[in-house]
């Protein structure tokens, strides 16, 4: 989603061009002239003209909001990645599939359960020993299972929410639907003023 948003942001910036610089001056000019002055310039409806010009400023606001939201999301993703990397270094199974994509929650729970089962069934530190596990090996295995559970709980210190993701997605959808004034109309306004 971040990559798609960056492409949309770049497309929106390209479509804005130099309109952003001119929009505030045009709005100021329309607000400072009387109705008669604007009628001489062939502008019959000041309010609708200002609203069309404000579409440029609205697009700028969408771009800034999306950039801010994705920057915050990226910081959270980086913090999560750092925490999880530390856990992987301590022996927790990887979150990535064989093709280096993020696993689904269900698949990771299955992988984690398999790992924990293998830890619980290991009866000693010697490979191939068929005897019952000693008290020390049982303690070591249980301690490892409690360590894993404790560390995973601390990985999610805050309950994950999808608010920021959905909020950014809604803003991105609004930005895609937002219509800027077409170049012909914009040039005619610049020529009139």
Protein backbone atom coordinates (compact mmCIF):
# COMPACT_ATOMS: atom_id res chain seq x y z
CA UNK A 1 0.00 0.00 0.00
CA UNK A 2 2.86 2.37 0.76
CA UNK A 3 4.30 1.91 -2.74
CA UNK A 4 0.89 2.47 -4.36
CA UNK A 5 0.40 5.60 -2.29
CA UNK A 6 3.80 6.95 -3.31
CA UNK A 7 2.90 6.46 -6.97
CA UNK A 8 -0.44 8.25 -6.43
CA UNK A 9 1.28 11.09 -4.60
CA UNK A 10 3.75 11.53 -7.44
CA UNK A 11 0.94 11.44 -10.02
CA UNK A 12 -1.00 14.05 -8.03
CA UNK A 13 2.06 16.29 -7.74
CA UNK A 14 2.63 16.04 -11.47
CA UNK A 15 -0.98 16.97 -12.17
CA UNK A 16 -0.75 19.94 -9.79
CA UNK A 17 2.23 21.36 -11.63
CA UNK A 18 2.53 25.06 -10.84
CA UNK A 19 -1.17 25.48 -9.94
CA UNK A 20 -0.36 25.42 -6.26
CA UNK A 21 1.76 28.57 -6.47
CA UNK A 22 -0.93 30.44 -8.37
CA UNK A 23 -4.00 29.26 -6.41
CA UNK A 24 -3.55 31.43 -3.33
CA UNK A 25 -2.88 34.53 -5.43
CA UNK A 26 -5.98 33.87 -7.53
CA UNK A 27 -8.19 33.38 -4.48
CA UNK A 28 -6.81 36.54 -2.88
CA UNK A 29 -7.43 38.46 -6.09
CA UNK A 30 -11.01 37.17 -6.36
CA UNK A 31 -11.69 38.02 -2.72
CA UNK A 32 -10.35 41.58 -3.01
CA UNK A 33 -12.28 42.62 -6.12
CA UNK A 34 -15.87 43.76 -6.14
CA UNK A 35 -18.65 42.00 -7.99
CA UNK A 36 -18.59 44.69 -10.67
CA UNK A 37 -14.83 44.35 -11.18
CA UNK A 38 -15.21 40.59 -11.58
CA UNK A 39 -18.12 41.04 -14.00
CA UNK A 40 -15.83 43.18 -16.19
CA UNK A 41 -13.37 40.28 -16.16
CA UNK A 42 -16.18 37.92 -17.27
CA UNK A 43 -16.37 36.14 -13.90
CA UNK A 44 -20.04 35.92 -13.03
CA UNK A 45 -19.89 33.73 -9.92
CA UNK A 46 -17.05 34.48 -7.53
CA UNK A 47 -17.94 31.68 -5.08
CA UNK A 48 -17.97 28.86 -7.60
CA UNK A 49 -14.73 30.13 -9.16
CA UNK A 50 -13.05 30.19 -5.74
CA UNK A 51 -14.35 26.68 -5.00
CA UNK A 52 -12.87 25.38 -8.25
CA UNK A 53 -9.54 27.01 -7.42
CA UNK A 54 -9.68 25.57 -3.88
CA UNK A 55 -9.63 22.07 -5.41
CA UNK A 56 -5.92 22.64 -5.91
CA UNK A 57 -5.44 23.40 -2.21
CA UNK A 58 -7.58 20.39 -1.27
CA UNK A 59 -5.35 18.14 -3.38
CA UNK A 60 -2.29 19.56 -1.62
CA UNK A 61 -3.92 18.78 1.75
CA UNK A 62 -4.65 15.20 0.66
CA UNK A 63 -1.03 14.75 -0.37
CA UNK A 64 0.28 16.13 2.92
CA UNK A 65 -2.13 13.99 4.97
CA UNK A 66 -1.20 10.81 3.16
CA UNK A 67 2.51 11.53 3.47
CA UNK A 68 2.15 12.15 7.22
CA UNK A 69 0.02 9.03 7.78
CA UNK A 70 2.36 6.79 5.84
CA UNK A 71 5.37 8.22 7.62
CA UNK A 72 3.73 7.33 10.95
CA UNK A 73 2.82 3.87 9.65
CA UNK A 74 6.37 3.33 8.41
CA UNK A 75 7.74 4.24 11.84
CA UNK A 76 5.42 1.68 13.46
CA UNK A 77 6.38 -0.95 10.88
CA UNK A 78 10.07 -0.30 11.51
CA UNK A 79 9.61 -0.54 15.30
CA UNK A 80 7.72 -3.83 14.91
CA UNK A 81 10.39 -5.17 12.55
CA UNK A 82 13.16 -4.30 15.00
CA UNK A 83 11.34 -6.02 17.87
CA UNK A 84 10.63 -9.10 15.80
CA UNK A 85 14.19 -9.27 14.47
CA UNK A 86 15.43 -9.29 18.06
CA UNK A 87 13.07 -12.19 18.82
CA UNK A 88 14.24 -14.10 15.74
CA UNK A 89 17.81 -13.67 16.92
CA UNK A 90 16.75 -15.30 20.20
CA UNK A 91 15.34 -18.31 18.33
CA UNK A 92 11.74 -17.44 17.46
CA UNK A 93 10.60 -18.71 14.02
CA UNK A 94 10.68 -16.24 11.13
CA UNK A 95 7.59 -14.29 10.06
CA UNK A 96 8.54 -14.63 6.39
CA UNK A 97 7.61 -17.37 3.95
CA UNK A 98 10.11 -19.07 1.68
CA UNK A 99 9.54 -16.40 -0.99
CA UNK A 100 10.26 -13.60 1.56
CA UNK A 101 6.66 -12.47 1.95
CA UNK A 102 4.96 -11.82 5.27
CA UNK A 103 3.04 -14.85 6.57
CA UNK A 104 -0.63 -14.71 7.36
CA UNK A 105 -1.58 -14.77 11.02
CA UNK A 106 -3.01 -18.29 10.75
CA UNK A 107 0.12 -19.65 9.05
CA UNK A 108 2.40 -18.04 11.63
CA UNK A 109 0.36 -19.39 14.54
CA UNK A 110 0.70 -22.85 12.97
CA UNK A 111 4.46 -22.38 12.57
CA UNK A 112 4.78 -21.12 16.14
CA UNK A 113 2.73 -24.03 17.53
CA UNK A 114 4.85 -26.51 15.59
CA UNK A 115 7.99 -24.90 16.97
CA UNK A 116 6.66 -24.96 20.52
CA UNK A 117 5.56 -28.61 20.15
CA UNK A 118 9.02 -29.56 18.96
CA UNK A 119 10.52 -27.70 21.94
CA UNK A 120 8.19 -29.48 24.36
CA UNK A 121 8.84 -32.96 22.94
CA UNK A 122 12.60 -32.58 23.00
CA UNK A 123 13.50 -34.57 26.06
CA UNK A 124 17.20 -33.88 26.30
CA UNK A 125 19.98 -31.92 24.76
CA UNK A 126 21.56 -35.08 23.32
CA UNK A 127 20.43 -35.97 19.81
CA UNK A 128 19.11 -39.50 19.41
CA UNK A 129 18.68 -40.25 23.11
CA UNK A 130 15.46 -42.21 23.67
CA UNK A 131 15.37 -42.08 27.46
CA UNK A 132 12.92 -39.99 29.46
CA UNK A 133 13.89 -36.39 29.88
CA UNK A 134 15.60 -35.27 33.01
CA UNK A 135 14.12 -32.65 35.27
CA UNK A 136 16.68 -30.14 33.98
CA UNK A 137 15.83 -30.69 30.30
CA UNK A 138 12.10 -30.44 31.07
CA UNK A 139 12.74 -27.22 32.99
CA UNK A 140 14.82 -25.84 30.10
CA UNK A 141 12.11 -26.66 27.55
CA UNK A 142 9.30 -25.17 29.66
CA UNK A 143 11.39 -22.11 30.39
CA UNK A 144 11.89 -21.64 26.64
CA UNK A 145 8.12 -21.95 26.02
CA UNK A 146 7.34 -19.37 28.72
CA UNK A 147 10.06 -17.13 27.30
CA UNK A 148 8.47 -17.32 23.84
CA UNK A 149 5.00 -16.55 25.18
CA UNK A 150 6.34 -13.65 27.25
CA UNK A 151 8.31 -12.18 24.35
CA UNK A 152 5.41 -12.45 21.89
CA UNK A 153 3.13 -10.68 24.36
CA UNK A 154 5.65 -7.85 24.67
CA UNK A 155 5.93 -7.60 20.91
CA UNK A 156 2.35 -6.30 20.92
CA UNK A 157 2.52 -3.85 23.81
CA UNK A 158 -0.41 -2.08 22.23
CA UNK A 159 -3.27 -3.97 20.67
CA UNK A 160 -2.88 -3.58 16.89
CA UNK A 161 -5.55 -1.48 15.27
CA UNK A 162 -6.25 -0.88 11.64
CA UNK A 163 -7.47 2.69 12.13
CA UNK A 164 -4.37 4.32 10.68
CA UNK A 165 -4.35 1.92 7.72
CA UNK A 166 -8.04 2.44 6.93
CA UNK A 167 -7.78 6.19 7.50
CA UNK A 168 -4.85 6.41 5.08
CA UNK A 169 -6.67 4.19 2.59
CA UNK A 170 -9.78 6.39 2.72
CA UNK A 171 -7.66 9.52 2.19
CA UNK A 172 -5.95 7.84 -0.75
CA UNK A 173 -9.33 6.96 -2.28
CA UNK A 174 -10.51 10.57 -1.83
CA UNK A 175 -7.34 11.84 -3.47
CA UNK A 176 -7.82 9.53 -6.47
CA UNK A 177 -11.41 10.74 -6.91
CA UNK A 178 -10.58 14.42 -6.45
CA UNK A 179 -10.87 16.41 -9.66
CA UNK A 180 -8.51 19.29 -10.28
CA UNK A 181 -9.55 22.09 -12.62
CA UNK A 182 -8.62 21.18 -16.18
CA UNK A 183 -5.69 22.98 -17.80
CA UNK A 184 -7.87 24.89 -20.25
CA UNK A 185 -10.07 26.37 -17.50
CA UNK A 186 -7.02 27.17 -15.39
CA UNK A 187 -5.27 29.00 -18.23
CA UNK A 188 -8.43 30.97 -19.03
CA UNK A 189 -8.67 32.13 -15.39
CA UNK A 190 -5.00 33.11 -15.42
CA UNK A 191 -5.52 35.07 -18.63
CA UNK A 192 -8.60 36.86 -17.31
CA UNK A 193 -6.88 37.90 -14.15
